[in-house]
């Protein structure tokens, strides 16, 4: 079981490193991959990053849960993400640090550590 957890963690780290490569940390802009995502899909991605369920997102955006599911499928395909967790991390990376705390932000610290490791 421990080996499986280590393997999962390594794969997650690789995925997260790919996210960093897609985000321009200096300006907050994203590469062309994000430009393919529609405004509705961006709204869904933002709410997924806030740990909302499909049902909660549907209520907030006044759409059906099936529409939310379709938007999420499109996001995963367009951004080449594997699952909802990857999408949430990607959304957080795009949004930047929620507290605007600068260099102490956990996302920024993580991003710097990943860049240094490469």
PDB file of N, CA and C in Angstrom:
ATOM      1  N   UNK A   1       0.819  -1.190   0.000  1.00  0.00           N
ATOM      2  CA  UNK A   1       0.000   0.000   0.000  1.00  0.00           C
ATOM      3  C   UNK A   1       0.866   1.259   0.000  1.00  0.00           C
ATOM      4  N   UNK A   2       1.962   1.238   0.751  1.00  0.00           N
ATOM      5  CA  UNK A   2       2.843   2.399   0.825  1.00  0.00           C
ATOM      6  C   UNK A   2       3.446   2.710  -0.533  1.00  0.00           C
ATOM      7  N   UNK A   3       3.831   1.671  -1.286  1.00  0.00           N
ATOM      8  CA  UNK A   3       4.421   1.878  -2.598  1.00  0.00           C
ATOM      9  C   UNK A   3       3.397   2.508  -3.538  1.00  0.00           C
ATOM     10  N   UNK A   4       2.153   2.081  -3.466  1.00  0.00           N
ATOM     11  CA  UNK A   4       1.106   2.637  -4.307  1.00  0.00           C
ATOM     12  C   UNK A   4       0.922   4.126  -4.018  1.00  0.00           C
ATOM     13  N   UNK A   5       0.902   4.501  -2.725  1.00  0.00           N
ATOM     14  CA  UNK A   5       0.757   5.899  -2.341  1.00  0.00           C
ATOM     15  C   UNK A   5       1.926   6.732  -2.853  1.00  0.00           C
ATOM     16  N   UNK A   6       3.129   6.185  -2.800  1.00  0.00           N
ATOM     17  CA  UNK A   6       4.304   6.884  -3.306  1.00  0.00           C
ATOM     18  C   UNK A   6       4.184   7.090  -4.806  1.00  0.00           C
ATOM     19  N   UNK A   7       3.741   6.071  -5.522  1.00  0.00           N
ATOM     20  CA  UNK A   7       3.579   6.172  -6.971  1.00  0.00           C
ATOM     21  C   UNK A   7       2.533   7.221  -7.323  1.00  0.00           C
ATOM     22  N   UNK A   8       1.422   7.228  -6.621  1.00  0.00           N
ATOM     23  CA  UNK A   8       0.370   8.212  -6.855  1.00  0.00           C
ATOM     24  C   UNK A   8       0.905   9.609  -6.594  1.00  0.00           C
ATOM     25  N   UNK A   9       1.669   9.771  -5.518  1.00  0.00           N
ATOM     26  CA  UNK A   9       2.229  11.078  -5.177  1.00  0.00           C
ATOM     27  C   UNK A   9       3.198  11.549  -6.252  1.00  0.00           C
ATOM     28  N   UNK A  10       4.008  10.627  -6.792  1.00  0.00           N
ATOM     29  CA  UNK A  10       4.946  10.994  -7.842  1.00  0.00           C
ATOM     30  C   UNK A  10       4.210  11.429  -9.104  1.00  0.00           C
ATOM     31  N   UNK A  11       3.142  10.715  -9.456  1.00  0.00           N
ATOM     32  CA  UNK A  11       2.363  11.080 -10.630  1.00  0.00           C
ATOM     33  C   UNK A  11       1.688  12.436 -10.430  1.00  0.00           C
ATOM     34  N   UNK A  12       1.172  12.682  -9.228  1.00  0.00           N
ATOM     35  CA  UNK A  12       0.540  13.959  -8.928  1.00  0.00           C
ATOM     36  C   UNK A  12       1.543  15.097  -9.040  1.00  0.00           C
ATOM     37  N   UNK A  13       2.756  14.857  -8.567  1.00  0.00           N
ATOM     38  CA  UNK A  13       3.798  15.869  -8.649  1.00  0.00           C
ATOM     39  C   UNK A  13       4.130  16.185 -10.100  1.00  0.00           C
ATOM     40  N   UNK A  14       4.198  15.154 -10.950  1.00  0.00           N
ATOM     41  CA  UNK A  14       4.462  15.376 -12.371  1.00  0.00           C
ATOM     42  C   UNK A  14       3.354  16.197 -13.006  1.00  0.00           C
ATOM     43  N   UNK A  15       2.103  15.869 -12.699  1.00  0.00           N
ATOM     44  CA  UNK A  15       0.969  16.618 -13.236  1.00  0.00           C
ATOM     45  C   UNK A  15       1.027  18.061 -12.779  1.00  0.00           C
ATOM     46  N   UNK A  16       1.303  18.258 -11.509  1.00  0.00           N
ATOM     47  CA  UNK A  16       1.359  19.613 -10.970  1.00  0.00           C
ATOM     48  C   UNK A  16       2.491  20.398 -11.637  1.00  0.00           C
ATOM     49  N   UNK A  17       3.613  19.735 -11.898  1.00  0.00           N
ATOM     50  CA  UNK A  17       4.716  20.409 -12.575  1.00  0.00           C
ATOM     51  C   UNK A  17       4.305  20.839 -13.978  1.00  0.00           C
ATOM     52  N   UNK A  18       3.490  20.030 -14.644  1.00  0.00           N
ATOM     53  CA  UNK A  18       2.985  20.414 -15.959  1.00  0.00           C
ATOM     54  C   UNK A  18       2.128  21.664 -15.866  1.00  0.00           C
ATOM     55  N   UNK A  19       1.359  21.808 -14.784  1.00  0.00           N
ATOM     56  CA  UNK A  19       0.540  22.999 -14.601  1.00  0.00           C
ATOM     57  C   UNK A  19       1.430  24.232 -14.538  1.00  0.00           C
ATOM     58  N   UNK A  20       2.522  24.137 -13.792  1.00  0.00           N
ATOM     59  CA  UNK A  20       3.421  25.279 -13.643  1.00  0.00           C
ATOM     60  C   UNK A  20       3.954  25.691 -15.005  1.00  0.00           C
ATOM     61  N   UNK A  21       4.255  24.729 -15.847  1.00  0.00           N
ATOM     62  CA  UNK A  21       4.764  25.043 -17.170  1.00  0.00           C
ATOM     63  C   UNK A  21       3.734  25.768 -18.030  1.00  0.00           C
ATOM     64  N   UNK A  22       2.453  25.628 -17.708  1.00  0.00           N
ATOM     65  CA  UNK A  22       1.410  26.268 -18.491  1.00  0.00           C
ATOM     66  C   UNK A  22       1.046  27.658 -17.981  1.00  0.00           C
ATOM     67  N   UNK A  23       1.574  28.028 -16.831  1.00  0.00           N
ATOM     68  CA  UNK A  23       1.226  29.316 -16.240  1.00  0.00           C
ATOM     69  C   UNK A  23       2.450  30.215 -16.230  1.00  0.00           C
ATOM     70  N   UNK A  24       2.273  31.449 -16.696  1.00  0.00           N
ATOM     71  CA  UNK A  24       3.339  32.435 -16.646  1.00  0.00           C
ATOM     72  C   UNK A  24       3.218  33.148 -15.310  1.00  0.00           C
ATOM     73  N   UNK A  25       4.000  32.739 -14.314  1.00  0.00           N
ATOM     74  CA  UNK A  25       3.873  33.256 -12.964  1.00  0.00           C
ATOM     75  C   UNK A  25       4.110  34.756 -12.849  1.00  0.00           C
ATOM     76  N   UNK A  26       4.935  35.326 -13.715  1.00  0.00           N
ATOM     77  CA  UNK A  26       5.237  36.749 -13.607  1.00  0.00           C
ATOM     78  C   UNK A  26       4.028  37.610 -13.944  1.00  0.00           C
ATOM     79  N   UNK A  27       3.257  37.222 -14.933  1.00  0.00           N
ATOM     80  CA  UNK A  27       2.151  38.068 -15.369  1.00  0.00           C
ATOM     81  C   UNK A  27       0.789  37.481 -15.063  1.00  0.00           C
ATOM     82  N   UNK A  28       0.760  36.209 -14.650  1.00  0.00           N
ATOM     83  CA  UNK A  28      -0.512  35.579 -14.363  1.00  0.00           C
ATOM     84  C   UNK A  28      -1.249  35.122 -15.616  1.00  0.00           C
ATOM     85  N   UNK A  29      -0.647  35.302 -16.772  1.00  0.00           N
ATOM     86  CA  UNK A  29      -1.290  34.864 -18.014  1.00  0.00           C
ATOM     87  C   UNK A  29      -1.053  33.384 -18.232  1.00  0.00           C
ATOM     88  N   UNK A  30      -1.948  32.773 -18.953  1.00  0.00           N
ATOM     89  CA  UNK A  30      -1.798  31.359 -19.260  1.00  0.00           C
ATOM     90  C   UNK A  30      -1.491  31.185 -20.730  1.00  0.00           C
ATOM     91  N   UNK A  31      -0.989  30.017 -21.069  1.00  0.00           N
ATOM     92  CA  UNK A  31      -0.647  29.748 -22.451  1.00  0.00           C
ATOM     93  C   UNK A  31      -1.900  29.523 -23.288  1.00  0.00           C
ATOM     94  N   UNK A  32      -1.703  29.222 -24.546  1.00  0.00           N
ATOM     95  CA  UNK A  32      -2.817  29.064 -25.467  1.00  0.00           C
ATOM     96  C   UNK A  32      -3.776  27.957 -25.065  1.00  0.00           C
ATOM     97  N   UNK A  33      -3.343  27.000 -24.264  1.00  0.00           N
ATOM     98  CA  UNK A  33      -4.246  25.924 -23.822  1.00  0.00           C
ATOM     99  C   UNK A  33      -5.453  26.513 -23.102  1.00  0.00           C
ATOM    100  N   UNK A  34      -5.236  27.489 -22.239  1.00  0.00           N
ATOM    101  CA  UNK A  34      -6.340  28.086 -21.491  1.00  0.00           C
ATOM    102  C   UNK A  34      -7.195  28.975 -22.387  1.00  0.00           C
ATOM    103  N   UNK A  35      -6.633  29.491 -23.459  1.00  0.00           N
ATOM    104  CA  UNK A  35      -7.413  30.353 -24.342  1.00  0.00           C
ATOM    105  C   UNK A  35      -8.499  29.571 -25.079  1.00  0.00           C
ATOM    106  N   UNK A  36      -8.382  28.265 -25.111  1.00  0.00           N
ATOM    107  CA  UNK A  36      -9.397  27.421 -25.751  1.00  0.00           C
ATOM    108  C   UNK A  36     -10.615  27.197 -24.858  1.00  0.00           C
ATOM    109  N   UNK A  37     -10.492  27.527 -23.575  1.00  0.00           N
ATOM    110  CA  UNK A  37     -11.562  27.308 -22.614  1.00  0.00           C
ATOM    111  C   UNK A  37     -12.559  28.469 -22.699  1.00  0.00           C
ATOM    112  N   UNK A  38     -13.837  28.139 -22.825  1.00  0.00           N
ATOM    113  CA  UNK A  38     -14.874  29.162 -22.951  1.00  0.00           C
ATOM    114  C   UNK A  38     -15.113  29.874 -21.616  1.00  0.00           C
ATOM    115  N   UNK A  39     -15.837  30.974 -21.665  1.00  0.00           N
ATOM    116  CA  UNK A  39     -16.164  31.730 -20.454  1.00  0.00           C
ATOM    117  C   UNK A  39     -16.964  30.871 -19.474  1.00  0.00           C
ATOM    118  N   UNK A  40     -17.924  30.111 -19.984  1.00  0.00           N
ATOM    119  CA  UNK A  40     -18.726  29.237 -19.114  1.00  0.00           C
ATOM    120  C   UNK A  40     -17.847  28.176 -18.465  1.00  0.00           C
ATOM    121  N   UNK A  41     -16.909  27.616 -19.225  1.00  0.00           N
ATOM    122  CA  UNK A  41     -16.001  26.604 -18.676  1.00  0.00           C
ATOM    123  C   UNK A  41     -15.078  27.220 -17.630  1.00  0.00           C
ATOM    124  N   UNK A  42     -14.665  28.472 -17.842  1.00  0.00           N
ATOM    125  CA  UNK A  42     -13.829  29.162 -16.857  1.00  0.00           C
ATOM    126  C   UNK A  42     -14.581  29.354 -15.542  1.00  0.00           C
ATOM    127  N   UNK A  43     -15.866  29.686 -15.644  1.00  0.00           N
ATOM    128  CA  UNK A  43     -16.672  29.846 -14.430  1.00  0.00           C
ATOM    129  C   UNK A  43     -16.758  28.522 -13.672  1.00  0.00           C
ATOM    130  N   UNK A  44     -16.948  27.437 -14.411  1.00  0.00           N
ATOM    131  CA  UNK A  44     -16.995  26.112 -13.784  1.00  0.00           C
ATOM    132  C   UNK A  44     -15.649  25.789 -13.157  1.00  0.00           C
ATOM    133  N   UNK A  45     -14.564  26.053 -13.859  1.00  0.00           N
ATOM    134  CA  UNK A  45     -13.224  25.780 -13.334  1.00  0.00           C
ATOM    135  C   UNK A  45     -12.969  26.563 -12.049  1.00  0.00           C
ATOM    136  N   UNK A  46     -13.402  27.814 -12.000  1.00  0.00           N
ATOM    137  CA  UNK A  46     -13.226  28.624 -10.795  1.00  0.00           C
ATOM    138  C   UNK A  46     -13.952  27.985  -9.613  1.00  0.00           C
ATOM    139  N   UNK A  47     -15.175  27.519  -9.849  1.00  0.00           N
ATOM    140  CA  UNK A  47     -15.953  26.921  -8.770  1.00  0.00           C
ATOM    141  C   UNK A  47     -15.428  25.539  -8.375  1.00  0.00           C
ATOM    142  N   UNK A  48     -14.904  24.790  -9.334  1.00  0.00           N
ATOM    143  CA  UNK A  48     -14.260  23.508  -9.017  1.00  0.00           C
ATOM    144  C   UNK A  48     -13.057  23.773  -8.117  1.00  0.00           C
ATOM    145  N   UNK A  49     -12.330  24.852  -8.387  1.00  0.00           N
ATOM    146  CA  UNK A  49     -11.167  25.216  -7.568  1.00  0.00           C
ATOM    147  C   UNK A  49     -11.561  25.604  -6.156  1.00  0.00           C
ATOM    148  N   UNK A  50     -12.819  25.960  -5.975  1.00  0.00           N
ATOM    149  CA  UNK A  50     -13.322  26.295  -4.644  1.00  0.00           C
ATOM    150  C   UNK A  50     -13.972  25.083  -3.972  1.00  0.00           C
ATOM    151  N   UNK A  51     -13.734  23.907  -4.534  1.00  0.00           N
ATOM    152  CA  UNK A  51     -14.203  22.621  -3.985  1.00  0.00           C
ATOM    153  C   UNK A  51     -15.721  22.483  -4.007  1.00  0.00           C
ATOM    154  N   UNK A  52     -16.362  23.080  -4.995  1.00  0.00           N
ATOM    155  CA  UNK A  52     -17.811  22.950  -5.133  1.00  0.00           C
ATOM    156  C   UNK A  52     -18.138  21.653  -5.875  1.00  0.00           C
ATOM    157  N   UNK A  53     -19.270  21.047  -5.535  1.00  0.00           N
ATOM    158  CA  UNK A  53     -19.742  19.856  -6.255  1.00  0.00           C
ATOM    159  C   UNK A  53     -20.439  20.294  -7.538  1.00  0.00           C
ATOM    160  N   UNK A  54     -20.679  19.337  -8.431  1.00  0.00           N
ATOM    161  CA  UNK A  54     -21.390  19.663  -9.666  1.00  0.00           C
ATOM    162  C   UNK A  54     -22.769  20.247  -9.365  1.00  0.00           C
ATOM    163  N   UNK A  55     -23.438  19.685  -8.367  1.00  0.00           N
ATOM    164  CA  UNK A  55     -24.769  20.177  -7.989  1.00  0.00           C
ATOM    165  C   UNK A  55     -24.705  21.626  -7.510  1.00  0.00           C
ATOM    166  N   UNK A  56     -23.730  21.923  -6.663  1.00  0.00           N
ATOM    167  CA  UNK A  56     -23.571  23.290  -6.151  1.00  0.00           C
ATOM    168  C   UNK A  56     -23.236  24.265  -7.271  1.00  0.00           C
ATOM    169  N   UNK A  57     -22.380  23.828  -8.186  1.00  0.00           N
ATOM    170  CA  UNK A  57     -22.018  24.675  -9.324  1.00  0.00           C
ATOM    171  C   UNK A  57     -23.247  24.940 -10.188  1.00  0.00           C
ATOM    172  N   UNK A  58     -24.033  23.904 -10.413  1.00  0.00           N
ATOM    173  CA  UNK A  58     -25.240  24.033 -11.234  1.00  0.00           C
ATOM    174  C   UNK A  58     -26.199  25.059 -10.636  1.00  0.00           C
ATOM    175  N   UNK A  59     -26.398  24.996  -9.337  1.00  0.00           N
ATOM    176  CA  UNK A  59     -27.294  25.943  -8.671  1.00  0.00           C
ATOM    177  C   UNK A  59     -26.748  27.364  -8.807  1.00  0.00           C
ATOM    178  N   UNK A  60     -25.458  27.527  -8.557  1.00  0.00           N
ATOM    179  CA  UNK A  60     -24.844  28.857  -8.599  1.00  0.00           C
ATOM    180  C   UNK A  60     -24.867  29.462  -9.998  1.00  0.00           C
ATOM    181  N   UNK A  61     -24.688  28.638 -11.021  1.00  0.00           N
ATOM    182  CA  UNK A  61     -24.654  29.148 -12.399  1.00  0.00           C
ATOM    183  C   UNK A  61     -26.002  29.050 -13.098  1.00  0.00           C
ATOM    184  N   UNK A  62     -26.988  28.506 -12.413  1.00  0.00           N
ATOM    185  CA  UNK A  62     -28.345  28.357 -12.970  1.00  0.00           C
ATOM    186  C   UNK A  62     -28.342  27.521 -14.251  1.00  0.00           C
ATOM    187  N   UNK A  63     -27.641  26.386 -14.181  1.00  0.00           N
ATOM    188  CA  UNK A  63     -27.626  25.420 -15.286  1.00  0.00           C
ATOM    189  C   UNK A  63     -27.886  24.041 -14.687  1.00  0.00           C
ATOM    190  N   UNK A  64     -28.027  23.053 -15.529  1.00  0.00           N
ATOM    191  CA  UNK A  64     -28.260  21.703 -15.021  1.00  0.00           C
ATOM    192  C   UNK A  64     -26.932  21.052 -14.620  1.00  0.00           C
ATOM    193  N   UNK A  65     -26.980  20.073 -13.711  1.00  0.00           N
ATOM    194  CA  UNK A  65     -25.761  19.337 -13.360  1.00  0.00           C
ATOM    195  C   UNK A  65     -25.132  18.656 -14.585  1.00  0.00           C
ATOM    196  N   UNK A  66     -25.945  18.257 -15.536  1.00  0.00           N
ATOM    197  CA  UNK A  66     -25.412  17.637 -16.760  1.00  0.00           C
ATOM    198  C   UNK A  66     -24.572  18.640 -17.553  1.00  0.00           C
ATOM    199  N   UNK A  67     -25.000  19.903 -17.561  1.00  0.00           N
ATOM    200  CA  UNK A  67     -24.230  20.950 -18.256  1.00  0.00           C
ATOM    201  C   UNK A  67     -22.896  21.166 -17.561  1.00  0.00           C
ATOM    202  N   UNK A  68     -22.919  21.170 -16.241  1.00  0.00           N
ATOM    203  CA  UNK A  68     -21.676  21.322 -15.474  1.00  0.00           C
ATOM    204  C   UNK A  68     -20.738  20.159 -15.791  1.00  0.00           C
ATOM    205  N   UNK A  69     -21.287  18.955 -15.816  1.00  0.00           N
ATOM    206  CA  UNK A  69     -20.480  17.766 -16.117  1.00  0.00           C
ATOM    207  C   UNK A  69     -19.851  17.891 -17.506  1.00  0.00           C
ATOM    208  N   UNK A  70     -20.625  18.349 -18.476  1.00  0.00           N
ATOM    209  CA  UNK A  70     -20.109  18.511 -19.839  1.00  0.00           C
ATOM    210  C   UNK A  70     -19.007  19.562 -19.884  1.00  0.00           C
ATOM    211  N   UNK A  71     -19.224  20.688 -19.197  1.00  0.00           N
ATOM    212  CA  UNK A  71     -18.186  21.731 -19.148  1.00  0.00           C
ATOM    213  C   UNK A  71     -16.911  21.175 -18.521  1.00  0.00           C
ATOM    214  N   UNK A  72     -17.055  20.414 -17.456  1.00  0.00           N
ATOM    215  CA  UNK A  72     -15.881  19.846 -16.798  1.00  0.00           C
ATOM    216  C   UNK A  72     -15.157  18.857 -17.719  1.00  0.00           C
ATOM    217  N   UNK A  73     -15.915  18.049 -18.440  1.00  0.00           N
ATOM    218  CA  UNK A  73     -15.310  17.132 -19.419  1.00  0.00           C
ATOM    219  C   UNK A  73     -14.532  17.916 -20.473  1.00  0.00           C
ATOM    220  N   UNK A  74     -15.104  19.014 -20.950  1.00  0.00           N
ATOM    221  CA  UNK A  74     -14.430  19.857 -21.948  1.00  0.00           C
ATOM    222  C   UNK A  74     -13.156  20.472 -21.387  1.00  0.00           C
ATOM    223  N   UNK A  75     -13.213  20.929 -20.136  1.00  0.00           N
ATOM    224  CA  UNK A  75     -12.030  21.499 -19.484  1.00  0.00           C
ATOM    225  C   UNK A  75     -10.915  20.457 -19.415  1.00  0.00           C
ATOM    226  N   UNK A  76     -11.258  19.256 -18.959  1.00  0.00           N
ATOM    227  CA  UNK A  76     -10.255  18.186 -18.835  1.00  0.00           C
ATOM    228  C   UNK A  76      -9.631  17.873 -20.188  1.00  0.00           C
ATOM    229  N   UNK A  77     -10.462  17.815 -21.221  1.00  0.00           N
ATOM    230  CA  UNK A  77      -9.963  17.504 -22.563  1.00  0.00           C
ATOM    231  C   UNK A  77      -9.087  18.636 -23.100  1.00  0.00           C
ATOM    232  N   UNK A  78      -9.573  19.859 -23.029  1.00  0.00           N
ATOM    233  CA  UNK A  78      -8.855  21.002 -23.599  1.00  0.00           C
ATOM    234  C   UNK A  78      -7.530  21.276 -22.894  1.00  0.00           C
ATOM    235  N   UNK A  79      -7.497  21.093 -21.586  1.00  0.00           N
ATOM    236  CA  UNK A  79      -6.286  21.371 -20.819  1.00  0.00           C
ATOM    237  C   UNK A  79      -5.438  20.126 -20.576  1.00  0.00           C
ATOM    238  N   UNK A  80      -5.904  19.003 -21.121  1.00  0.00           N
ATOM    239  CA  UNK A  80      -5.200  17.725 -20.995  1.00  0.00           C
ATOM    240  C   UNK A  80      -4.968  17.364 -19.527  1.00  0.00           C
ATOM    241  N   UNK A  81      -6.042  17.474 -18.739  1.00  0.00           N
ATOM    242  CA  UNK A  81      -6.007  17.127 -17.329  1.00  0.00           C
ATOM    243  C   UNK A  81      -6.656  15.765 -17.137  1.00  0.00           C
ATOM    244  N   UNK A  82      -6.301  15.081 -16.051  1.00  0.00           N
ATOM    245  CA  UNK A  82      -6.808  13.727 -15.850  1.00  0.00           C
ATOM    246  C   UNK A  82      -8.082  13.649 -15.029  1.00  0.00           C
ATOM    247  N   UNK A  83      -8.265  14.591 -14.112  1.00  0.00           N
ATOM    248  CA  UNK A  83      -9.419  14.475 -13.222  1.00  0.00           C
ATOM    249  C   UNK A  83      -9.760  15.819 -12.601  1.00  0.00           C
ATOM    250  N   UNK A  84     -10.780  15.807 -11.781  1.00  0.00           N
ATOM    251  CA  UNK A  84     -11.287  17.014 -11.122  1.00  0.00           C
ATOM    252  C   UNK A  84     -10.239  17.653 -10.206  1.00  0.00           C
ATOM    253  N   UNK A  85      -9.447  16.837  -9.540  1.00  0.00           N
ATOM    254  CA  UNK A  85      -8.408  17.369  -8.647  1.00  0.00           C
ATOM    255  C   UNK A  85      -7.370  18.132  -9.457  1.00  0.00           C
ATOM    256  N   UNK A  86      -6.951  17.559 -10.578  1.00  0.00           N
ATOM    257  CA  UNK A  86      -6.006  18.258 -11.454  1.00  0.00           C
ATOM    258  C   UNK A  86      -6.596  19.587 -11.913  1.00  0.00           C
ATOM    259  N   UNK A  87      -7.872  19.585 -12.251  1.00  0.00           N
ATOM    260  CA  UNK A  87      -8.542  20.810 -12.692  1.00  0.00           C
ATOM    261  C   UNK A  87      -8.570  21.840 -11.562  1.00  0.00           C
ATOM    262  N   UNK A  88      -8.845  21.399 -10.342  1.00  0.00           N
ATOM    263  CA  UNK A  88      -8.883  22.317  -9.201  1.00  0.00           C
ATOM    264  C   UNK A  88      -7.514  22.946  -8.970  1.00  0.00           C
ATOM    265  N   UNK A  89      -6.473  22.149  -9.037  1.00  0.00           N
ATOM    266  CA  UNK A  89      -5.115  22.669  -8.862  1.00  0.00           C
ATOM    267  C   UNK A  89      -4.794  23.651  -9.976  1.00  0.00           C
ATOM    268  N   UNK A  90      -5.157  23.301 -11.193  1.00  0.00           N
ATOM    269  CA  UNK A  90      -4.910  24.191 -12.333  1.00  0.00           C
ATOM    270  C   UNK A  90      -5.629  25.527 -12.128  1.00  0.00           C
ATOM    271  N   UNK A  91      -6.870  25.466 -11.693  1.00  0.00           N
ATOM    272  CA  UNK A  91      -7.630  26.682 -11.439  1.00  0.00           C
ATOM    273  C   UNK A  91      -6.991  27.542 -10.361  1.00  0.00           C
ATOM    274  N   UNK A  92      -6.474  26.907  -9.319  1.00  0.00           N
ATOM    275  CA  UNK A  92      -5.795  27.646  -8.257  1.00  0.00           C
ATOM    276  C   UNK A  92      -4.507  28.287  -8.765  1.00  0.00           C
ATOM    277  N   UNK A  93      -3.784  27.579  -9.601  1.00  0.00           N
ATOM    278  CA  UNK A  93      -2.551  28.122 -10.162  1.00  0.00           C
ATOM    279  C   UNK A  93      -2.843  29.349 -11.022  1.00  0.00           C
ATOM    280  N   UNK A  94      -3.918  29.298 -11.778  1.00  0.00           N
ATOM    281  CA  UNK A  94      -4.280  30.426 -12.627  1.00  0.00           C
ATOM    282  C   UNK A  94      -4.705  31.616 -11.779  1.00  0.00           C
ATOM    283  N   UNK A  95      -5.490  31.348 -10.744  1.00  0.00           N
ATOM    284  CA  UNK A  95      -6.008  32.416  -9.891  1.00  0.00           C
ATOM    285  C   UNK A  95      -4.912  33.051  -9.042  1.00  0.00           C
ATOM    286  N   UNK A  96      -3.852  32.317  -8.780  1.00  0.00           N
ATOM    287  CA  UNK A  96      -2.798  32.828  -7.916  1.00  0.00           C
ATOM    288  C   UNK A  96      -3.169  32.629  -6.462  1.00  0.00           C
ATOM    289  N   UNK A  97      -2.411  33.237  -5.606  1.00  0.00           N
ATOM    290  CA  UNK A  97      -2.637  33.064  -4.165  1.00  0.00           C
ATOM    291  C   UNK A  97      -3.904  33.791  -3.743  1.00  0.00           C
ATOM    292  N   UNK A  98      -4.820  33.085  -3.086  1.00  0.00           N
ATOM    293  CA  UNK A  98      -6.076  33.708  -2.688  1.00  0.00           C
ATOM    294  C   UNK A  98      -5.914  34.823  -1.663  1.00  0.00           C
ATOM    295  N   UNK A  99      -4.857  34.791  -0.889  1.00  0.00           N
ATOM    296  CA  UNK A  99      -4.659  35.811   0.144  1.00  0.00           C
ATOM    297  C   UNK A  99      -3.747  36.937  -0.320  1.00  0.00           C
ATOM    298  N   UNK A 100      -3.236  36.851  -1.542  1.00  0.00           N
ATOM    299  CA  UNK A 100      -2.329  37.868  -2.074  1.00  0.00           C
ATOM    300  C   UNK A 100      -1.189  38.163  -1.102  1.00  0.00           C
ATOM    301  N   UNK A 101      -0.635  37.123  -0.505  1.00  0.00           N
ATOM    302  CA  UNK A 101       0.401  37.300   0.509  1.00  0.00           C
ATOM    303  C   UNK A 101       1.803  37.306  -0.067  1.00  0.00           C
ATOM    304  N   UNK A 102       1.904  37.288  -1.379  1.00  0.00           N
ATOM    305  CA  UNK A 102       3.221  37.375  -1.990  1.00  0.00           C
ATOM    306  C   UNK A 102       4.033  36.114  -1.860  1.00  0.00           C
ATOM    307  N   UNK A 103       5.288  36.281  -1.447  1.00  0.00           N
ATOM    308  CA  UNK A 103       6.227  35.163  -1.442  1.00  0.00           C
ATOM    309  C   UNK A 103       5.897  34.084  -0.416  1.00  0.00           C
ATOM    310  N   UNK A 104       5.018  34.366   0.545  1.00  0.00           N
ATOM    311  CA  UNK A 104       4.642  33.369   1.546  1.00  0.00           C
ATOM    312  C   UNK A 104       3.470  32.500   1.103  1.00  0.00           C
ATOM    313  N   UNK A 105       2.883  32.801  -0.019  1.00  0.00           N
ATOM    314  CA  UNK A 105       1.734  32.045  -0.515  1.00  0.00           C
ATOM    315  C   UNK A 105       2.155  30.600  -0.792  1.00  0.00           C
ATOM    316  N   UNK A 106       1.417  29.616  -0.258  1.00  0.00           N
ATOM    317  CA  UNK A 106       1.787  28.214  -0.483  1.00  0.00           C
ATOM    318  C   UNK A 106       1.874  27.839  -1.958  1.00  0.00           C
ATOM    319  N   UNK A 107       0.990  28.402  -2.783  1.00  0.00           N
ATOM    320  CA  UNK A 107       1.067  28.099  -4.215  1.00  0.00           C
ATOM    321  C   UNK A 107       2.347  28.648  -4.833  1.00  0.00           C
ATOM    322  N   UNK A 108       2.731  29.850  -4.446  1.00  0.00           N
ATOM    323  CA  UNK A 108       3.952  30.438  -4.989  1.00  0.00           C
ATOM    324  C   UNK A 108       5.201  29.719  -4.489  1.00  0.00           C
ATOM    325  N   UNK A 109       5.193  29.332  -3.217  1.00  0.00           N
ATOM    326  CA  UNK A 109       6.320  28.571  -2.662  1.00  0.00           C
ATOM    327  C   UNK A 109       6.459  27.257  -3.420  1.00  0.00           C
ATOM    328  N   UNK A 110       5.327  26.567  -3.601  1.00  0.00           N
ATOM    329  CA  UNK A 110       5.338  25.300  -4.325  1.00  0.00           C
ATOM    330  C   UNK A 110       5.845  25.505  -5.746  1.00  0.00           C
ATOM    331  N   UNK A 111       5.384  26.572  -6.403  1.00  0.00           N
ATOM    332  CA  UNK A 111       5.794  26.840  -7.782  1.00  0.00           C
ATOM    333  C   UNK A 111       7.301  27.088  -7.858  1.00  0.00           C
ATOM    334  N   UNK A 112       7.846  27.855  -6.927  1.00  0.00           N
ATOM    335  CA  UNK A 112       9.289  28.117  -6.918  1.00  0.00           C
ATOM    336  C   UNK A 112      10.089  26.842  -6.682  1.00  0.00           C
ATOM    337  N   UNK A 113       9.618  26.002  -5.759  1.00  0.00           N
ATOM    338  CA  UNK A 113      10.309  24.742  -5.471  1.00  0.00           C
ATOM    339  C   UNK A 113      10.306  23.823  -6.692  1.00  0.00           C
ATOM    340  N   UNK A 114       9.183  23.771  -7.399  1.00  0.00           N
ATOM    341  CA  UNK A 114       9.092  22.932  -8.592  1.00  0.00           C
ATOM    342  C   UNK A 114      10.036  23.455  -9.679  1.00  0.00           C
ATOM    343  N   UNK A 115      10.084  24.783  -9.842  1.00  0.00           N
ATOM    344  CA  UNK A 115      10.959  25.361 -10.862  1.00  0.00           C
ATOM    345  C   UNK A 115      12.429  25.104 -10.528  1.00  0.00           C
ATOM    346  N   UNK A 116      12.788  25.183  -9.249  1.00  0.00           N
ATOM    347  CA  UNK A 116      14.154  24.924  -8.819  1.00  0.00           C
ATOM    348  C   UNK A 116      14.554  23.463  -9.012  1.00  0.00           C
ATOM    349  N   UNK A 117      13.595  22.577  -8.884  1.00  0.00           N
ATOM    350  CA  UNK A 117      13.876  21.139  -9.016  1.00  0.00           C
ATOM    351  C   UNK A 117      14.105  20.729 -10.457  1.00  0.00           C
ATOM    352  N   UNK A 118      13.620  21.523 -11.387  1.00  0.00           N
ATOM    353  CA  UNK A 118      13.750  21.148 -12.818  1.00  0.00           C
ATOM    354  C   UNK A 118      15.080  21.481 -13.383  1.00  0.00           C
TER     355      UNK A 118
END
